[in-house]
Amino acid sequence: MVGGGAVVVALAVAAGVVIADEEPARIAAPYGCGTGGAHAPGKAPQGAVDFDGDGRPDLALGSMGSVEGGAGGGSIEVAYGAGDGTGIGRCQYLTQDDAGIPGKNRDEAFFGTDVVARDFDGDGYTDLAASVFDWKPSLIIMWGSGDGLSRAARVPGTDVSHVAWDNDPILDEQLVAGDFDGDGHPDLVFGLGSDKGLLKGPFERDGTPAGTARVPAPRRPAPDVGDANYGDLVAGDLDGDGIDDLVSFHAADPEPEAPWAELNRPVSYLRGGRSGFTQPEGIHLPDAGEGAIGDVDGDGTDDLVLSPRGGDASRSSVTVVYGAEDGPGRRRTTTTVDRDTPGVPGAEPQDEDAVFTSLDTGDVNGDGYADVVAGAPRWDVYGEPGPEQVLFLAGGPDGLSGEGARLFDGDDLGAAPGGDADFGAAVGLTDLDGDGYADLVVTAPGSDTVEGVAYLLPGTAEGPSVTGVTRLTEGTFDDTNGLDLLMGGGEVAH
């Protein structure tokens, strides 16, 4: 213990940081990277990500690529808002080689693949939680402050999933945030079927949660499923009781070379509550590849947005299961929107490699209804070349429809053509300048030969705009000396 503390102090002094004897080292401070105008005063909307508390919303991207000393080590790129459109004022490039972040860069640690942003300690600054697989899955929380993300701690005692039919949960651990017990403090879920998979807030600054609780394992997707693994978790209030619920996605008997239509993912629902999670009977959700949650019909209850798989589903369709007091899908017929829906632009892609693999919700046009964005990169790294697109669909009093829909092609924004950019690998809707219109974030992670880029499209009353687009490149954050950064190949923090 004494030796470890001395090493920390020595590293901090070498980095020019003066700290108390037992204080943790500070994360390297944000630096100027100005992509937009001068810093404008701001007032971040309620629930906005604001790591430095300056009233200008911020953005964090998880990346799965390589770092110094680690192929697939993973990194996080943080862009601090300038309060001027989608302009960015300061940047941070975070890896485990930062003296203030626990651990060390290593191969396939995938630090930051999953990132979620909440005020986990209740001090008024947004914090950032990230998953990492350095020897075993765990979580690291980076604490917000007036200087931005400034210190970090590993959450002690995290567990992995315990699902009897799961193929290998350790390699597919997922992270999501929400208030699952209704006490007003954000919680984390990390470990389905674990007795301590629910990590309750508020968290101490050493990462210790206020408590832990069980997260039930989802029901077996089908009696004949011998093994499976799960690919995503999303959270939101799907029954309108003020407490977040949990939705998980599973892949039964996965075949790496199977076409998208055969990669059916059963979807499971867990209702959050003050006494813990429950599994209501009689709720059957359609198979889907990805999901997001938002109130697309403005009735005050969140809805579940899905990218359906299998059966008669179109490759470019989006399905909404509407929330209700007795659970999603119990009071209203689902809605599916695809390229045949009136108002939706573009033709149905004709190849198997074009499918929506990323989704998000947010109010882009400022009308009070959650809108939907869906990204369709080349889903298979060995897929045929072709267009990569992002579809915008507007919510409204009748739910999701084709009215006001817009289609954004990677070629139109200058992405590498033919599918080499992975344009649309992650999408996010977040109000970056506090003007009441959510802006569209689209990542194009690229490869070892194509530079990774994140595109920030301003939100307007007509939807996302291609006027005033901000481009964040690998060089904006770090000179990786030719390493495959895959910027934004993980998630956009929410």
Protein backbone atom coordinates (compact mmCIF):
# COMPACT_ATOMS: atom_id res chain seq x y z
CA MET A 1 0.00 0.00 0.00
CA VAL A 2 2.76 2.45 0.93
CA GLY A 3 4.75 1.52 -2.16
CA GLY A 4 1.70 1.94 -4.41
CA GLY A 5 0.95 5.35 -2.92
CA ALA A 6 4.54 6.44 -3.46
CA VAL A 7 4.33 5.41 -7.11
CA VAL A 8 1.15 7.44 -7.57
CA VAL A 9 2.75 10.50 -5.97
CA ALA A 10 5.86 10.06 -8.09
CA LEU A 11 3.82 9.83 -11.27
CA ALA A 12 1.83 12.91 -10.32
CA VAL A 13 4.97 14.94 -9.59
CA ALA A 14 6.53 13.79 -12.86
CA ALA A 15 3.43 15.02 -14.66
CA GLY A 16 3.64 18.37 -12.95
CA VAL A 17 0.65 17.77 -10.68
CA VAL A 18 0.86 18.56 -6.98
CA ILE A 19 -1.45 16.41 -4.86
CA ALA A 20 -1.89 15.49 -1.24
CA ASP A 21 -0.18 12.36 0.00
CA GLU A 22 -3.17 10.06 -0.43
CA GLU A 23 -5.20 11.85 -3.09
CA PRO A 24 -5.59 10.05 -6.41
CA ALA A 25 -3.81 11.49 -9.43
CA ARG A 26 -5.74 13.88 -11.63
CA ILE A 27 -6.80 13.06 -15.16
CA ALA A 28 -4.96 15.08 -17.80
CA ALA A 29 -6.85 18.35 -18.22
CA PRO A 30 -8.86 19.19 -21.35
CA TYR A 31 -6.97 21.12 -24.00
CA GLY A 32 -8.03 23.65 -26.62
CA CYS A 33 -9.17 22.07 -29.86
CA GLY A 34 -11.64 24.78 -31.07
CA THR A 35 -13.77 23.57 -33.96
CA GLY A 36 -16.39 26.30 -33.58
CA GLY A 37 -16.80 29.91 -32.52
CA ALA A 38 -15.92 31.56 -29.25
CA HIS A 39 -17.30 30.15 -26.02
CA ALA A 40 -20.80 31.51 -25.63
CA PRO A 41 -22.57 31.59 -22.27
CA GLY A 42 -25.00 28.73 -21.98
CA LYS A 43 -27.59 27.05 -19.86
CA ALA A 44 -27.58 23.31 -20.33
CA PRO A 45 -31.07 21.79 -20.65
CA GLN A 46 -32.24 19.54 -17.84
CA GLY A 47 -30.57 16.14 -18.08
CA ALA A 48 -27.86 17.36 -20.46
CA VAL A 49 -24.32 15.99 -20.24
CA ASP A 50 -22.22 18.78 -18.67
CA PHE A 51 -18.96 17.49 -17.22
CA ASP A 52 -17.57 20.92 -16.27
CA GLY A 53 -20.83 22.57 -15.16
CA ASP A 54 -20.41 25.61 -17.42
CA GLY A 55 -23.91 25.37 -18.89
CA ARG A 56 -22.63 24.19 -22.29
CA PRO A 57 -23.50 20.54 -23.03
CA ASP A 58 -20.62 18.15 -23.64
CA LEU A 59 -20.13 14.94 -25.63
CA ALA A 60 -18.28 11.69 -24.93
CA LEU A 61 -17.58 8.93 -27.46
CA GLY A 62 -16.41 5.43 -26.64
CA SER A 63 -13.95 3.85 -29.05
CA MET A 64 -12.84 0.25 -29.40
CA GLY A 65 -9.62 0.79 -31.31
CA SER A 66 -5.96 0.54 -30.49
CA VAL A 67 -3.93 2.70 -28.13
CA GLU A 68 -0.26 2.96 -27.31
CA GLY A 69 0.65 -0.38 -25.78
CA GLY A 70 -2.64 -2.11 -26.51
CA ALA A 71 -4.31 -3.42 -29.66
CA GLY A 72 -8.01 -2.95 -28.96
CA GLY A 73 -7.15 -1.23 -25.69
CA GLY A 74 -9.94 1.31 -26.14
CA SER A 75 -10.20 5.02 -25.50
CA ILE A 76 -12.74 7.76 -24.79
CA GLU A 77 -12.94 11.06 -26.67
CA VAL A 78 -14.58 13.95 -24.80
CA ALA A 79 -15.67 17.14 -26.56
CA TYR A 80 -16.60 20.11 -24.38
CA GLY A 81 -19.26 22.33 -25.94
CA ALA A 82 -18.56 25.92 -26.94
CA GLY A 83 -22.23 26.93 -26.69
CA ASP A 84 -22.11 28.01 -30.33
CA GLY A 85 -24.00 25.60 -32.58
CA THR A 86 -22.19 22.28 -32.68
CA GLY A 87 -18.83 23.97 -32.12
CA ILE A 88 -16.40 22.38 -29.68
CA GLY A 89 -14.20 24.35 -27.29
CA ARG A 90 -11.97 21.82 -25.51
CA CYS A 91 -11.10 18.13 -25.88
CA GLN A 92 -9.88 15.20 -23.81
CA TYR A 93 -8.40 11.93 -25.04
CA LEU A 94 -8.65 9.35 -22.25
CA THR A 95 -6.94 5.97 -21.99
CA GLN A 96 -5.85 3.81 -19.07
CA ASP A 97 -2.31 5.09 -19.50
CA ASP A 98 -3.53 8.39 -18.05
CA ALA A 99 -2.12 8.53 -14.51
CA GLY A 100 -5.55 9.52 -13.17
CA ILE A 101 -7.41 6.51 -14.62
CA PRO A 102 -7.11 3.09 -12.95
CA GLY A 103 -5.33 0.35 -14.87
CA LYS A 104 -2.92 0.38 -17.76
CA ASN A 105 -3.29 0.10 -21.52
CA ARG A 106 -3.29 -3.52 -22.64
CA ASP A 107 -4.49 -5.60 -25.57
CA GLU A 108 -8.26 -6.06 -25.90
CA ALA A 109 -9.21 -4.20 -22.72
CA PHE A 110 -11.82 -2.28 -24.77
CA PHE A 111 -11.84 0.57 -22.26
CA GLY A 112 -14.84 2.79 -22.93
CA THR A 113 -16.73 0.53 -25.34
CA ASP A 114 -19.82 1.21 -23.19
CA VAL A 115 -20.06 4.74 -21.75
CA VAL A 116 -22.94 6.31 -19.80
CA ALA A 117 -23.16 9.83 -18.35
CA ARG A 118 -25.02 10.80 -15.15
CA ASP A 119 -24.34 12.72 -11.94
CA PHE A 120 -23.44 9.60 -9.99
CA ASP A 121 -22.26 11.32 -6.79
CA GLY A 122 -24.86 14.10 -6.63
CA ASP A 123 -22.44 17.04 -6.70
CA GLY A 124 -24.08 18.80 -9.66
CA TYR A 125 -21.51 17.77 -12.28
CA THR A 126 -22.13 15.02 -14.84
CA ASP A 127 -19.83 12.02 -14.40
CA LEU A 128 -18.86 9.35 -16.93
CA ALA A 129 -18.97 5.59 -16.26
CA ALA A 130 -17.14 3.25 -18.62
CA SER A 131 -16.78 -0.51 -18.92
CA VAL A 132 -13.38 -2.14 -19.27
CA PHE A 133 -12.10 -5.69 -19.64
CA ASP A 134 -8.64 -5.59 -18.09
CA TRP A 135 -8.35 -9.20 -16.93
CA LYS A 136 -12.01 -9.23 -15.92
CA PRO A 137 -14.98 -6.95 -16.64
CA SER A 138 -15.23 -3.94 -14.38
CA LEU A 139 -16.35 -0.30 -14.30
CA ILE A 140 -14.47 2.97 -13.99
CA ILE A 141 -16.21 6.24 -13.09
CA MET A 142 -14.59 9.54 -14.09
CA TRP A 143 -15.82 12.40 -11.93
CA GLY A 144 -16.94 15.73 -13.34
CA SER A 145 -15.75 19.02 -11.85
CA GLY A 146 -15.31 22.69 -12.72
CA ASP A 147 -12.26 21.57 -14.70
CA GLY A 148 -14.12 18.77 -16.52
CA LEU A 149 -13.46 15.08 -15.95
CA SER A 150 -10.67 15.33 -13.39
CA ARG A 151 -10.44 12.19 -11.23
CA ALA A 152 -11.46 8.56 -11.56
CA ALA A 153 -12.12 5.44 -9.49
CA ARG A 154 -12.77 1.80 -10.21
CA VAL A 155 -16.11 0.58 -8.87
CA PRO A 156 -15.22 -2.16 -6.35
CA GLY A 157 -16.76 -5.61 -6.38
CA THR A 158 -18.43 -5.53 -9.77
CA ASP A 159 -19.76 -8.86 -10.96
CA VAL A 160 -20.46 -10.40 -14.35
CA SER A 161 -23.62 -11.94 -15.72
CA HIS A 162 -24.87 -15.27 -14.43
CA VAL A 163 -27.19 -16.54 -17.15
CA ALA A 164 -27.28 -20.31 -17.46
CA TRP A 165 -27.87 -20.32 -21.20
CA ASP A 166 -25.45 -17.50 -21.98
CA ASN A 167 -22.61 -18.52 -24.30
CA ASP A 168 -19.87 -16.39 -22.73
CA PRO A 169 -21.18 -13.45 -20.69
CA ILE A 170 -17.72 -12.34 -19.61
CA LEU A 171 -16.86 -11.32 -23.17
CA ASP A 172 -20.19 -9.58 -23.82
CA GLU A 173 -20.82 -7.65 -20.63
CA GLN A 174 -23.09 -4.62 -21.07
CA LEU A 175 -23.60 -1.39 -19.12
CA VAL A 176 -26.63 0.89 -18.78
CA ALA A 177 -27.69 3.69 -16.42
CA GLY A 178 -31.09 4.65 -15.02
CA ASP A 179 -33.03 5.15 -11.81
CA PHE A 180 -34.20 1.57 -11.36
CA ASP A 181 -35.38 1.84 -7.73
CA GLY A 182 -37.10 5.23 -7.94
CA ASP A 183 -35.07 6.97 -5.22
CA GLY A 184 -34.01 9.85 -7.46
CA HIS A 185 -30.37 8.73 -7.76
CA PRO A 186 -28.98 7.22 -10.99
CA ASP A 187 -27.98 3.57 -10.78
CA LEU A 188 -25.94 1.25 -13.00
CA VAL A 189 -26.72 -2.25 -14.25
CA PHE A 190 -23.72 -4.44 -15.00
CA GLY A 191 -24.37 -8.18 -14.78
CA LEU A 192 -27.63 -9.93 -15.67
CA GLY A 193 -28.55 -12.66 -13.21
CA SER A 194 -26.04 -11.38 -10.67
CA ASP A 195 -26.93 -10.80 -7.02
CA LYS A 196 -25.10 -7.46 -7.26
CA GLY A 197 -25.71 -6.59 -10.90
CA LEU A 198 -27.62 -3.47 -9.81
CA LEU A 199 -25.21 -0.86 -8.47
CA LYS A 200 -27.23 1.76 -6.61
CA GLY A 201 -26.49 5.45 -6.47
CA PRO A 202 -25.32 7.75 -5.10
CA PHE A 203 -21.73 6.57 -5.45
CA GLU A 204 -18.84 7.53 -3.18
CA ARG A 205 -15.82 9.17 -4.77
CA ASP A 206 -13.87 5.91 -4.36
CA GLY A 207 -16.48 4.26 -6.64
CA THR A 208 -18.41 2.47 -3.90
CA PRO A 209 -22.17 2.30 -4.64
CA ALA A 210 -24.77 3.05 -1.99
CA GLY A 211 -25.81 -0.58 -2.27
CA THR A 212 -26.22 -3.50 -4.62
CA ALA A 213 -29.17 -5.70 -5.61
CA ARG A 214 -30.02 -8.61 -7.83
CA VAL A 215 -30.80 -8.30 -11.53
CA PRO A 216 -32.86 -11.34 -12.58
CA ALA A 217 -31.63 -13.38 -15.52
CA PRO A 218 -33.93 -13.03 -18.53
CA ARG A 219 -36.06 -16.00 -19.42
CA ARG A 220 -34.54 -18.46 -21.86
CA PRO A 221 -35.36 -17.16 -25.38
CA ALA A 222 -36.81 -20.53 -26.38
CA PRO A 223 -36.87 -24.02 -24.87
CA ASP A 224 -34.52 -25.39 -27.52
CA VAL A 225 -31.87 -22.66 -27.10
CA GLY A 226 -28.78 -24.36 -25.79
CA ASP A 227 -26.69 -21.24 -25.50
CA ALA A 228 -26.82 -17.60 -26.48
CA ASN A 229 -25.22 -14.30 -25.66
CA TYR A 230 -26.64 -10.86 -25.22
CA GLY A 231 -25.73 -7.80 -27.20
CA ASP A 232 -27.27 -4.72 -25.60
CA LEU A 233 -29.13 -3.16 -22.68
CA VAL A 234 -31.39 -0.11 -22.82
CA ALA A 235 -33.34 1.62 -20.06
CA GLY A 236 -36.32 3.93 -19.70
CA ASP A 237 -39.71 4.31 -18.04
CA LEU A 238 -41.93 2.09 -20.19
CA ASP A 239 -44.88 1.93 -17.78
CA GLY A 240 -45.03 5.58 -16.68
CA ASP A 241 -44.49 4.95 -12.96
CA GLY A 242 -41.45 7.24 -12.70
CA ILE A 243 -39.01 4.33 -12.34
CA ASP A 244 -36.78 3.11 -15.16
CA ASP A 245 -37.19 -0.37 -16.62
CA LEU A 246 -34.60 -2.59 -18.29
CA VAL A 247 -34.67 -4.19 -21.76
CA SER A 248 -32.06 -6.70 -22.90
CA PHE A 249 -31.27 -8.15 -26.33
CA HIS A 250 -30.01 -11.67 -26.94
CA ALA A 251 -28.63 -13.62 -29.87
CA ALA A 252 -29.63 -17.27 -29.92
CA ASP A 253 -27.10 -19.74 -31.34
CA PRO A 254 -25.09 -17.01 -33.10
CA GLU A 255 -23.44 -17.82 -36.40
CA PRO A 256 -20.78 -15.26 -37.37
CA GLU A 257 -21.38 -15.66 -41.11
CA ALA A 258 -25.19 -15.73 -40.94
CA PRO A 259 -27.12 -13.01 -42.83
CA TRP A 260 -28.80 -10.35 -40.72
CA ALA A 261 -32.26 -11.89 -41.10
CA GLU A 262 -31.08 -15.03 -39.29
CA LEU A 263 -29.51 -13.15 -36.40
CA ASN A 264 -32.74 -13.00 -34.43
CA ARG A 265 -32.38 -11.47 -31.00
CA PRO A 266 -35.12 -12.20 -28.46
CA VAL A 267 -35.92 -9.12 -26.36
CA SER A 268 -36.55 -9.36 -22.60
CA TYR A 269 -38.27 -6.87 -20.28
CA LEU A 270 -37.59 -6.29 -16.57
CA ARG A 271 -39.75 -3.79 -14.68
CA GLY A 272 -37.91 -1.58 -12.23
CA GLY A 273 -39.40 -0.89 -8.81
CA ARG A 274 -38.67 0.18 -5.26
CA SER A 275 -38.53 -3.47 -4.20
CA GLY A 276 -36.33 -4.52 -7.12
CA PHE A 277 -36.77 -5.84 -10.64
CA THR A 278 -39.71 -8.05 -11.58
CA GLN A 279 -40.58 -10.01 -14.74
CA PRO A 280 -44.24 -9.38 -15.59
CA GLU A 281 -46.11 -12.19 -17.31
CA GLY A 282 -47.77 -11.70 -20.66
CA ILE A 283 -45.40 -9.13 -22.15
CA HIS A 284 -44.03 -10.35 -25.47
CA LEU A 285 -41.67 -8.09 -27.38
CA PRO A 286 -40.71 -8.67 -31.02
CA ASP A 287 -37.25 -9.95 -31.89
CA ALA A 288 -34.85 -7.12 -32.67
CA GLY A 289 -31.21 -6.37 -33.28
CA GLU A 290 -30.97 -3.03 -31.48
CA GLY A 291 -33.14 -0.74 -29.40
CA ALA A 292 -33.61 2.72 -27.93
CA ILE A 293 -36.19 4.28 -25.63
CA GLY A 294 -38.03 7.62 -25.91
CA ASP A 295 -41.54 9.09 -25.81
CA VAL A 296 -42.33 9.29 -29.54
CA ASP A 297 -46.07 9.95 -29.07
CA GLY A 298 -45.75 12.48 -26.24
CA ASP A 299 -48.14 10.74 -23.83
CA GLY A 300 -45.69 10.93 -20.92
CA THR A 301 -44.68 7.26 -21.06
CA ASP A 302 -41.54 6.12 -22.84
CA ASP A 303 -41.77 3.86 -25.89
CA LEU A 304 -39.44 1.09 -27.06
CA VAL A 305 -37.92 1.64 -30.52
CA LEU A 306 -36.52 -1.46 -32.22
CA SER A 307 -34.60 -2.48 -35.32
CA PRO A 308 -36.51 -5.71 -36.07
CA ARG A 309 -34.91 -8.90 -37.33
CA GLY A 310 -36.22 -12.03 -38.96
CA GLY A 311 -39.59 -12.95 -40.39
CA ASP A 312 -41.08 -10.41 -42.76
CA ALA A 313 -39.10 -7.47 -41.33
CA SER A 314 -37.50 -5.11 -43.81
CA ARG A 315 -33.78 -4.49 -43.48
CA SER A 316 -34.47 -0.76 -43.15
CA SER A 317 -37.50 -0.81 -40.87
CA VAL A 318 -38.04 0.64 -37.40
CA THR A 319 -40.68 -0.73 -35.03
CA VAL A 320 -42.18 1.11 -32.04
CA VAL A 321 -43.67 -0.78 -29.11
CA TYR A 322 -45.63 1.86 -27.23
CA GLY A 323 -45.34 2.11 -23.47
CA ALA A 324 -48.36 1.69 -21.22
CA GLU A 325 -49.25 1.53 -17.54
CA ASP A 326 -49.37 -2.26 -17.58
CA GLY A 327 -46.23 -2.62 -19.68
CA PRO A 328 -44.98 -2.04 -23.23
CA GLY A 329 -47.18 -3.28 -26.02
CA ARG A 330 -50.22 -3.94 -23.79
CA ARG A 331 -52.48 -1.07 -24.87
CA ARG A 332 -51.60 -0.08 -28.42
CA THR A 333 -50.60 -1.87 -31.62
CA THR A 334 -46.97 -1.55 -32.59
CA THR A 335 -45.98 0.71 -35.48
CA THR A 336 -43.43 -0.24 -38.15
CA VAL A 337 -41.97 2.36 -40.51
CA ASP A 338 -39.86 1.38 -43.52
CA ARG A 339 -38.95 2.65 -47.00
CA ASP A 340 -42.48 1.84 -48.24
CA THR A 341 -44.05 4.15 -45.64
CA PRO A 342 -45.31 7.39 -47.24
CA GLY A 343 -42.80 10.19 -46.74
CA VAL A 344 -39.77 7.98 -46.07
CA PRO A 345 -37.07 8.73 -48.67
CA GLY A 346 -34.83 6.24 -50.44
CA ALA A 347 -35.30 2.73 -51.73
CA GLU A 348 -34.99 -0.48 -49.76
CA PRO A 349 -31.33 -1.59 -49.86
CA GLN A 350 -30.99 -4.66 -52.05
CA ASP A 351 -28.05 -6.34 -50.32
CA GLU A 352 -27.85 -8.29 -47.09
CA ASP A 353 -25.21 -6.03 -45.55
CA ALA A 354 -27.40 -2.91 -45.22
CA VAL A 355 -29.32 -3.01 -41.94
CA PHE A 356 -29.95 -0.63 -39.05
CA THR A 357 -27.46 -1.45 -36.31
CA SER A 358 -27.65 1.72 -34.20
CA LEU A 359 -30.62 3.68 -32.84
CA ASP A 360 -31.30 6.70 -30.65
CA THR A 361 -34.14 9.02 -29.70
CA GLY A 362 -34.37 12.74 -28.93
CA ASP A 363 -36.36 15.85 -29.80
CA VAL A 364 -34.61 17.21 -32.89
CA ASN A 365 -37.31 19.56 -34.17
CA GLY A 366 -38.34 20.99 -30.79
CA ASP A 367 -41.99 19.93 -30.94
CA GLY A 368 -41.97 17.99 -27.66
CA TYR A 369 -42.03 14.53 -29.25
CA ALA A 370 -39.06 12.19 -29.32
CA ASP A 371 -37.69 11.60 -32.82
CA VAL A 372 -35.71 8.56 -33.97
CA VAL A 373 -32.42 8.17 -35.84
CA ALA A 374 -31.23 4.83 -37.21
CA GLY A 375 -27.75 4.13 -38.60
CA ALA A 376 -27.05 1.59 -41.34
CA PRO A 377 -23.29 1.09 -41.81
CA ARG A 378 -21.98 -2.03 -43.53
CA TRP A 379 -22.91 -4.32 -40.64
CA ASP A 380 -20.40 -7.05 -41.54
CA VAL A 381 -16.72 -6.17 -41.84
CA TYR A 382 -16.62 -8.62 -44.74
CA GLY A 383 -19.75 -7.16 -46.31
CA GLU A 384 -20.16 -6.04 -49.88
CA PRO A 385 -19.39 -2.37 -50.63
CA GLY A 386 -22.40 -0.10 -50.70
CA PRO A 387 -24.10 3.01 -49.29
CA GLU A 388 -23.99 3.80 -45.59
CA GLN A 389 -26.92 5.85 -44.36
CA VAL A 390 -28.67 7.38 -41.36
CA LEU A 391 -32.47 7.73 -41.37
CA PHE A 392 -34.31 10.41 -39.36
CA LEU A 393 -37.94 9.75 -38.42
CA ALA A 394 -40.11 12.30 -36.61
CA GLY A 395 -42.33 11.51 -33.66
CA GLY A 396 -45.78 13.06 -33.24
CA PRO A 397 -49.14 12.76 -31.47
CA ASP A 398 -49.91 9.60 -33.45
CA GLY A 399 -46.47 8.12 -32.83
CA LEU A 400 -43.80 7.43 -35.40
CA SER A 401 -44.54 8.05 -39.09
CA GLY A 402 -42.84 8.94 -42.36
CA GLU A 403 -43.86 12.60 -42.21
CA GLY A 404 -40.75 14.81 -42.14
CA ALA A 405 -38.38 11.85 -42.59
CA ARG A 406 -34.90 12.56 -43.92
CA LEU A 407 -32.06 10.38 -45.17
CA PHE A 408 -28.35 11.17 -44.75
CA ASP A 409 -25.78 9.36 -46.85
CA GLY A 410 -22.15 9.09 -45.79
CA ASP A 411 -21.03 10.12 -49.27
CA ASP A 412 -22.97 13.40 -48.95
CA LEU A 413 -21.02 14.30 -45.79
CA GLY A 414 -17.63 13.36 -47.20
CA ALA A 415 -17.25 9.94 -45.60
CA ALA A 416 -15.03 7.40 -47.31
CA PRO A 417 -17.15 5.77 -50.04
CA GLY A 418 -18.22 2.18 -50.47
CA GLY A 419 -18.66 1.28 -46.83
CA ASP A 420 -15.05 1.81 -45.73
CA ALA A 421 -15.96 4.50 -43.19
CA ASP A 422 -18.54 2.49 -41.20
CA PHE A 423 -20.71 5.63 -41.31
CA GLY A 424 -23.58 5.27 -38.84
CA ALA A 425 -21.82 2.77 -36.57
CA ALA A 426 -23.10 4.84 -33.64
CA VAL A 427 -25.73 7.57 -33.63
CA GLY A 428 -26.81 9.91 -30.88
CA LEU A 429 -29.25 12.76 -30.35
CA THR A 430 -28.16 15.39 -27.84
CA ASP A 431 -28.68 19.15 -27.60
CA LEU A 432 -25.09 20.36 -27.85
CA ASP A 433 -25.84 24.08 -27.64
CA GLY A 434 -28.93 24.19 -25.42
CA ASP A 435 -31.18 25.73 -28.08
CA GLY A 436 -33.97 23.19 -27.57
CA TYR A 437 -33.16 21.18 -30.71
CA ALA A 438 -31.29 17.90 -30.29
CA ASP A 439 -28.27 17.67 -32.59
CA LEU A 440 -27.39 14.51 -34.49
CA VAL A 441 -24.08 12.79 -33.77
CA VAL A 442 -22.99 10.20 -36.34
CA THR A 443 -19.74 8.31 -36.00
CA ALA A 444 -17.72 6.81 -38.84
CA PRO A 445 -14.94 4.89 -37.03
CA GLY A 446 -13.02 4.04 -40.20
CA SER A 447 -10.21 1.51 -40.12
CA ASP A 448 -6.44 1.25 -40.10
CA THR A 449 -6.47 2.96 -43.50
CA VAL A 450 -9.49 5.31 -43.15
CA GLU A 451 -9.50 8.06 -40.52
CA GLY A 452 -12.26 7.96 -37.93
CA VAL A 453 -14.68 10.91 -37.93
CA ALA A 454 -17.65 12.03 -35.85
CA TYR A 455 -20.14 14.30 -37.61
CA LEU A 456 -22.24 16.75 -35.58
CA LEU A 457 -25.35 17.93 -37.47
CA PRO A 458 -27.33 20.83 -35.93
CA GLY A 459 -30.94 20.18 -34.99
CA THR A 460 -33.58 22.44 -36.53
CA ALA A 461 -37.37 22.65 -36.76
CA GLU A 462 -37.08 20.65 -39.99
CA GLY A 463 -34.82 17.98 -38.53
CA PRO A 464 -31.03 17.54 -38.67
CA SER A 465 -29.31 20.03 -40.97
CA VAL A 466 -26.29 19.55 -43.23
CA THR A 467 -25.55 23.27 -42.86
CA GLY A 468 -23.00 24.04 -40.18
CA VAL A 469 -21.81 20.44 -39.72
CA THR A 470 -18.86 20.01 -37.34
CA ARG A 471 -16.34 17.23 -38.06
CA LEU A 472 -14.29 15.76 -35.23
CA THR A 473 -11.42 13.64 -36.49
CA GLU A 474 -8.85 11.40 -34.86
CA GLY A 475 -6.40 14.27 -35.09
CA THR A 476 -8.78 16.47 -33.09
CA PHE A 477 -8.10 14.32 -30.05
CA ASP A 478 -4.78 12.56 -30.38
CA ASP A 479 -1.98 11.78 -32.78
CA THR A 480 -2.20 7.99 -32.67
CA ASN A 481 0.83 7.50 -34.90
CA GLY A 482 -1.06 5.32 -37.34
CA LEU A 483 -2.92 3.25 -34.74
CA ASP A 484 -6.45 2.12 -35.58
CA LEU A 485 -8.39 4.45 -33.27
CA LEU A 486 -11.93 3.49 -34.47
CA MET A 487 -13.23 6.74 -33.01
CA GLY A 488 -16.85 6.41 -31.91
CA GLY A 489 -16.89 2.70 -32.70
CA GLY A 490 -18.40 2.03 -29.27
CA GLU A 491 -21.19 4.32 -28.09
CA VAL A 492 -22.27 7.92 -27.74
CA ALA A 493 -22.61 8.52 -23.99
CA HIS A 494 -26.12 9.17 -22.66
